[in-house]
Amino acid sequence: MKIIGKAVAYCLLGFLVLLVAFNLWGYLTLGNLTPIMPGQLADSANRVVMVFGATGSVGDGLLKAAIEAPEVEKVYVVTRRSSPRIDAGVASGKVEMHLQEDFTDYSELADTLAEVDTVLWGLGTTSIGMDDATYTKIHVDFPLAFVSQWMVARKDINRPMSFHFVTGMGTDPQGSQHWAREKGRTELALAALAEGTNLRSFSYRSGFVRPTSEQSNTAIYIAEKLLRPGKLVITGKQLGEAMLEISARTREVPNGTLIDNGDSIAFAEAYEQR
């Protein structure tokens, strides 16, 4: 029994050391962008918002931020299925849902795409247990197909456009893991597509995105408290608010900027201080 007790104690001590080290690393390295206060905000930047992945743990928070944002007049949700938040938004009149099966073909939404100013892209899935080809289709082919067709639909409209792509901490075009390379490849391709146009593309290398209260539990809230000191956690709604804030700062944050978790927290705080 003493041996078991010592083993448990060593394991707990090791966990605490790793936790402190991880938080210290995050505190010292995350958060390289400081929002200018007060910022110059483009009033029309987020007039119409489109959300992808709205039924997921991240996308639900992005949708909540868009619905509750007073500057957002209309929210389009492109999804395979509905959710309680989507249904409530539709009932309120602020949300319009479009059921979509093929996420590479938006020809039927051309007129709708022409209205959209800001896209919050939370569509994605874990790489665990997924073959490489399917992962590439979801995280490379889907967003690139959408942005290409969105730009065509908006070619005659001279208003700011912004695309916000959630990639995650560890994304790296030169990384050793397939998922990191593919998301990194998409980051670069999106920025290249947007270069020299009205579009700005941003990639969010977020840490732990805490789901909304409807999708959280005690374990998730404990994890949030443990990771908060190192700027390693952000709520889904805060992440959405950071996206809306960056959209509105058309002259401050350039196309292709990589947004780490500390940056997202800073811009979310700027949004909340309006």
Protein backbone atom coordinates (compact mmCIF):
# COMPACT_ATOMS: atom_id res chain seq x y z
CA MET A 1 0.00 0.00 0.00
CA LYS A 2 2.88 2.37 0.80
CA ILE A 3 4.36 1.75 -2.65
CA ILE A 4 1.02 2.53 -4.29
CA GLY A 5 0.66 5.68 -2.19
CA LYS A 6 4.12 6.88 -3.20
CA ALA A 7 3.41 6.16 -6.86
CA VAL A 8 0.20 8.20 -6.70
CA ALA A 9 2.03 11.04 -4.94
CA TYR A 10 4.78 11.08 -7.56
CA CYS A 11 2.22 11.07 -10.36
CA LEU A 12 0.35 13.97 -8.76
CA LEU A 13 3.58 15.89 -8.24
CA GLY A 14 4.60 15.28 -11.86
CA PHE A 15 1.21 16.54 -13.07
CA LEU A 16 1.50 19.70 -10.97
CA VAL A 17 5.03 20.38 -12.26
CA LEU A 18 3.89 19.97 -15.87
CA LEU A 19 0.85 22.17 -15.24
CA VAL A 20 2.94 24.95 -13.73
CA ALA A 21 5.50 24.69 -16.54
CA PHE A 22 2.80 24.80 -19.22
CA ASN A 23 1.12 27.82 -17.64
CA LEU A 24 4.46 29.58 -17.24
CA TRP A 25 5.27 28.95 -20.91
CA GLY A 26 1.89 30.32 -21.96
CA TYR A 27 2.17 33.38 -19.72
CA LEU A 28 5.60 34.24 -21.10
CA THR A 29 5.02 33.52 -24.80
CA LEU A 30 1.34 34.05 -25.65
CA GLY A 31 -0.20 37.41 -26.43
CA ASN A 32 2.00 39.23 -28.95
CA LEU A 33 -0.66 41.66 -30.20
CA THR A 34 -1.92 44.61 -28.19
CA PRO A 35 -5.16 46.22 -29.39
CA ILE A 36 -4.93 49.98 -29.88
CA MET A 37 -7.28 51.70 -27.46
CA PRO A 38 -9.56 53.21 -28.44
CA GLY A 39 -9.52 51.43 -31.77
CA GLN A 40 -10.73 52.76 -35.10
CA LEU A 41 -13.72 50.55 -35.87
CA ALA A 42 -15.47 50.12 -39.21
CA ASP A 43 -19.17 50.27 -38.36
CA SER A 44 -20.27 48.09 -41.30
CA ALA A 45 -17.61 45.39 -40.91
CA ASN A 46 -19.85 42.86 -39.13
CA ARG A 47 -23.27 43.80 -40.44
CA VAL A 48 -23.90 40.29 -41.82
CA VAL A 49 -22.09 37.30 -40.30
CA MET A 50 -21.98 33.67 -41.46
CA VAL A 51 -21.09 30.88 -39.03
CA PHE A 52 -19.82 27.38 -39.88
CA GLY A 53 -19.58 24.53 -37.38
CA ALA A 54 -22.26 26.09 -35.20
CA THR A 55 -23.36 22.77 -33.68
CA GLY A 56 -19.86 21.98 -32.38
CA SER A 57 -18.32 22.91 -29.04
CA VAL A 58 -16.36 25.82 -30.55
CA GLY A 59 -18.88 26.92 -33.17
CA ASP A 60 -21.72 27.12 -30.67
CA GLY A 61 -19.77 29.80 -28.80
CA LEU A 62 -19.02 31.67 -32.04
CA LEU A 63 -22.71 31.63 -32.88
CA LYS A 64 -23.62 32.89 -29.42
CA ALA A 65 -21.23 35.83 -29.84
CA ALA A 66 -22.70 36.71 -33.24
CA ILE A 67 -26.30 36.50 -32.05
CA GLU A 68 -25.65 38.68 -29.00
CA ALA A 69 -23.55 41.28 -30.86
CA PRO A 70 -25.63 44.47 -31.30
CA GLU A 71 -23.71 45.49 -34.44
CA VAL A 72 -24.63 42.23 -36.21
CA GLU A 73 -27.92 42.60 -38.05
CA LYS A 74 -28.14 39.13 -39.62
CA VAL A 75 -26.53 35.75 -38.94
CA TYR A 76 -26.47 32.98 -41.53
CA VAL A 77 -25.68 29.49 -40.29
CA VAL A 78 -24.48 26.89 -42.79
CA THR A 79 -24.83 23.45 -41.25
CA ARG A 80 -25.86 19.84 -41.74
CA ARG A 81 -28.21 19.91 -38.76
CA SER A 82 -29.79 22.29 -36.29
CA SER A 83 -29.24 22.88 -32.56
CA PRO A 84 -31.19 24.55 -29.74
CA ARG A 85 -29.23 27.79 -30.21
CA ILE A 86 -29.80 27.80 -33.96
CA ASP A 87 -33.52 27.13 -33.47
CA ALA A 88 -33.79 29.95 -30.92
CA GLY A 89 -31.94 32.31 -33.25
CA VAL A 90 -34.21 31.43 -36.16
CA ALA A 91 -37.28 32.01 -33.95
CA SER A 92 -35.92 35.45 -32.99
CA GLY A 93 -35.60 36.43 -36.63
CA LYS A 94 -31.87 37.21 -36.43
CA VAL A 95 -30.64 33.82 -37.67
CA GLU A 96 -31.28 32.12 -40.99
CA MET A 97 -30.23 28.48 -41.29
CA HIS A 98 -29.06 26.87 -44.53
CA LEU A 99 -28.80 23.09 -44.54
CA GLN A 100 -25.73 22.07 -46.52
CA GLU A 101 -24.46 18.63 -47.48
CA ASP A 102 -21.68 19.51 -49.91
CA PHE A 103 -19.21 21.94 -48.30
CA THR A 104 -17.35 22.43 -51.57
CA ASP A 105 -20.28 23.77 -53.62
CA TYR A 106 -22.06 27.01 -52.66
CA SER A 107 -23.65 27.79 -56.01
CA GLU A 108 -27.14 27.81 -54.48
CA LEU A 109 -26.01 30.37 -51.89
CA ALA A 110 -24.43 32.87 -54.31
CA ASP A 111 -26.92 35.64 -53.56
CA THR A 112 -26.58 35.08 -49.82
CA LEU A 113 -22.77 35.09 -49.98
CA ALA A 114 -22.89 38.51 -51.64
CA GLU A 115 -24.40 39.91 -48.42
CA VAL A 116 -21.89 38.37 -45.99
CA ASP A 117 -19.21 40.59 -44.44
CA THR A 118 -17.68 38.28 -41.83
CA VAL A 119 -17.29 34.50 -41.66
CA LEU A 120 -16.60 32.67 -38.40
CA TRP A 121 -15.32 29.22 -39.38
CA GLY A 122 -15.47 26.74 -36.51
CA LEU A 123 -16.05 23.71 -38.74
CA GLY A 124 -13.60 20.93 -38.01
CA THR A 125 -12.98 17.65 -36.28
CA THR A 126 -10.30 15.79 -34.36
CA SER A 127 -7.60 13.94 -36.28
CA ILE A 128 -7.83 11.00 -33.86
CA GLY A 129 -9.06 7.94 -35.72
CA MET A 130 -9.52 9.82 -39.00
CA ASP A 131 -7.73 8.97 -42.23
CA ASP A 132 -5.51 11.66 -43.73
CA ALA A 133 -7.56 12.12 -46.90
CA THR A 134 -10.77 12.84 -45.01
CA TYR A 135 -8.98 15.19 -42.63
CA THR A 136 -7.55 17.13 -45.58
CA LYS A 137 -10.95 17.36 -47.23
CA ILE A 138 -12.52 18.89 -44.12
CA HIS A 139 -9.72 21.24 -43.09
CA VAL A 140 -8.23 22.21 -46.46
CA ASP A 141 -10.72 21.61 -49.26
CA PHE A 142 -13.82 22.88 -47.44
CA PRO A 143 -12.55 26.31 -46.32
CA LEU A 144 -10.64 27.00 -49.56
CA ALA A 145 -13.67 26.10 -51.68
CA PHE A 146 -15.88 28.38 -49.63
CA VAL A 147 -13.54 31.38 -49.67
CA SER A 148 -12.97 31.08 -53.42
CA GLN A 149 -16.71 31.12 -54.12
CA TRP A 150 -17.40 33.84 -51.55
CA MET A 151 -14.87 36.11 -53.22
CA VAL A 152 -16.55 35.60 -56.59
CA ALA A 153 -19.96 36.44 -55.09
CA ARG A 154 -18.53 39.62 -53.53
CA LYS A 155 -16.37 40.77 -56.45
CA ASP A 156 -18.52 43.83 -57.23
CA ILE A 157 -19.04 44.89 -53.61
CA ASN A 158 -16.48 47.27 -52.14
CA ARG A 159 -16.83 46.56 -48.41
CA PRO A 160 -14.44 44.91 -45.94
CA MET A 161 -14.53 41.12 -45.76
CA SER A 162 -12.95 38.95 -43.09
CA PHE A 163 -12.56 35.19 -42.74
CA HIS A 164 -11.77 33.78 -39.30
CA PHE A 165 -10.39 30.25 -39.30
CA VAL A 166 -9.93 28.24 -36.08
CA THR A 167 -6.80 26.13 -36.45
CA GLY A 168 -5.52 25.49 -32.93
CA MET A 169 -2.31 25.61 -30.93
CA GLY A 170 0.42 23.53 -32.54
CA THR A 171 -0.57 24.28 -36.13
CA ASP A 172 2.60 24.42 -38.24
CA PRO A 173 3.04 24.14 -42.04
CA GLN A 174 6.39 22.42 -41.36
CA GLY A 175 5.12 20.34 -38.44
CA SER A 176 5.79 16.65 -37.90
CA GLN A 177 2.10 15.72 -37.69
CA HIS A 178 -0.29 15.59 -40.63
CA TRP A 179 -3.03 17.65 -38.96
CA ALA A 180 -0.61 20.46 -38.07
CA ARG A 181 0.82 20.63 -41.60
CA GLU A 182 -2.59 20.58 -43.29
CA LYS A 183 -4.08 23.32 -41.14
CA GLY A 184 -0.89 25.33 -41.61
CA ARG A 185 -1.14 24.83 -45.35
CA THR A 186 -4.69 26.17 -45.27
CA GLU A 187 -3.59 29.21 -43.25
CA LEU A 188 -1.06 30.11 -45.94
CA ALA A 189 -3.43 29.40 -48.84
CA LEU A 190 -6.21 31.55 -47.35
CA ALA A 191 -3.85 34.49 -46.82
CA ALA A 192 -2.61 34.13 -50.40
CA LEU A 193 -6.16 34.10 -51.79
CA ALA A 194 -6.98 37.27 -49.88
CA GLU A 195 -3.82 39.19 -50.76
CA GLY A 196 -4.58 42.36 -52.73
CA THR A 197 -8.36 42.07 -52.28
CA ASN A 198 -10.99 43.39 -49.85
CA LEU A 199 -10.67 40.15 -47.89
CA ARG A 200 -8.56 39.67 -44.76
CA SER A 201 -7.99 36.14 -43.50
CA PHE A 202 -7.06 35.33 -39.90
CA SER A 203 -6.08 32.04 -38.30
CA TYR A 204 -6.68 31.38 -34.61
CA ARG A 205 -4.14 29.10 -33.01
CA SER A 206 -6.24 28.76 -29.90
CA GLY A 207 -5.56 26.68 -26.83
CA PHE A 208 -8.44 25.18 -24.87
CA VAL A 209 -11.70 26.70 -26.07
CA ARG A 210 -14.18 26.27 -23.24
CA PRO A 211 -17.65 25.45 -24.59
CA THR A 212 -20.76 27.43 -23.68
CA SER A 213 -22.46 26.63 -20.37
CA GLU A 214 -24.98 24.44 -22.16
CA GLN A 215 -22.15 22.14 -23.32
CA SER A 216 -19.85 22.34 -20.27
CA ASN A 217 -19.58 20.29 -17.09
CA THR A 218 -17.66 20.37 -13.81
CA ALA A 219 -14.53 18.79 -15.30
CA ILE A 220 -14.42 21.39 -18.07
CA TYR A 221 -14.74 24.26 -15.58
CA ILE A 222 -11.93 22.78 -13.46
CA ALA A 223 -9.71 22.52 -16.54
CA GLU A 224 -10.52 26.15 -17.36
CA LYS A 225 -9.38 27.32 -13.91
CA LEU A 226 -6.17 25.29 -14.13
CA LEU A 227 -5.22 26.73 -17.53
CA ARG A 228 -6.40 30.31 -17.05
CA PRO A 229 -3.13 31.63 -15.46
CA GLY A 230 -1.13 30.81 -18.59
CA LYS A 231 -3.59 32.39 -21.06
CA LEU A 232 -4.19 28.89 -22.38
CA VAL A 233 -8.00 28.94 -22.26
CA ILE A 234 -10.70 31.11 -23.78
CA THR A 235 -14.46 30.64 -23.96
CA GLY A 236 -16.09 30.04 -27.32
CA LYS A 237 -18.08 33.24 -26.95
CA GLN A 238 -14.95 35.26 -26.15
CA LEU A 239 -13.26 33.79 -29.21
CA GLY A 240 -16.20 34.94 -31.32
CA GLU A 241 -16.01 38.41 -29.78
CA ALA A 242 -12.29 38.57 -30.59
CA MET A 243 -13.11 37.73 -34.20
CA LEU A 244 -15.73 40.47 -34.40
CA GLU A 245 -13.31 42.97 -32.86
CA ILE A 246 -10.55 42.09 -35.32
CA SER A 247 -13.02 42.33 -38.21
CA ALA A 248 -13.92 45.87 -37.20
CA ARG A 249 -10.28 46.95 -36.89
CA THR A 250 -9.79 47.03 -40.66
CA ARG A 251 -6.68 49.25 -40.54
CA GLU A 252 -5.02 47.66 -37.56
CA VAL A 253 -4.77 43.89 -38.09
CA PRO A 254 -3.43 42.91 -41.54
CA ASN A 255 -4.38 39.96 -43.71
CA GLY A 256 -2.72 36.69 -42.77
CA THR A 257 -2.15 37.54 -39.09
CA LEU A 258 -1.85 34.50 -36.84
CA ILE A 259 -3.81 34.98 -33.63
CA ASP A 260 -2.64 33.02 -30.59
CA ASN A 261 -4.75 32.43 -27.49
CA GLY A 262 -3.33 35.42 -25.62
CA ASP A 263 -4.08 37.66 -28.61
CA SER A 264 -7.67 36.41 -28.72
CA ILE A 265 -8.12 37.16 -25.02
CA ALA A 266 -6.81 40.71 -25.53
CA PHE A 267 -9.13 41.46 -28.44
CA ALA A 268 -12.10 39.90 -26.64
CA GLU A 269 -11.42 42.21 -23.70
CA ALA A 270 -11.25 45.17 -26.09
CA TYR A 271 -14.61 44.14 -27.54
CA GLU A 272 -16.17 43.89 -24.09
CA GLN A 273 -14.89 47.38 -23.20
CA ARG A 274 -16.76 49.07 -26.04
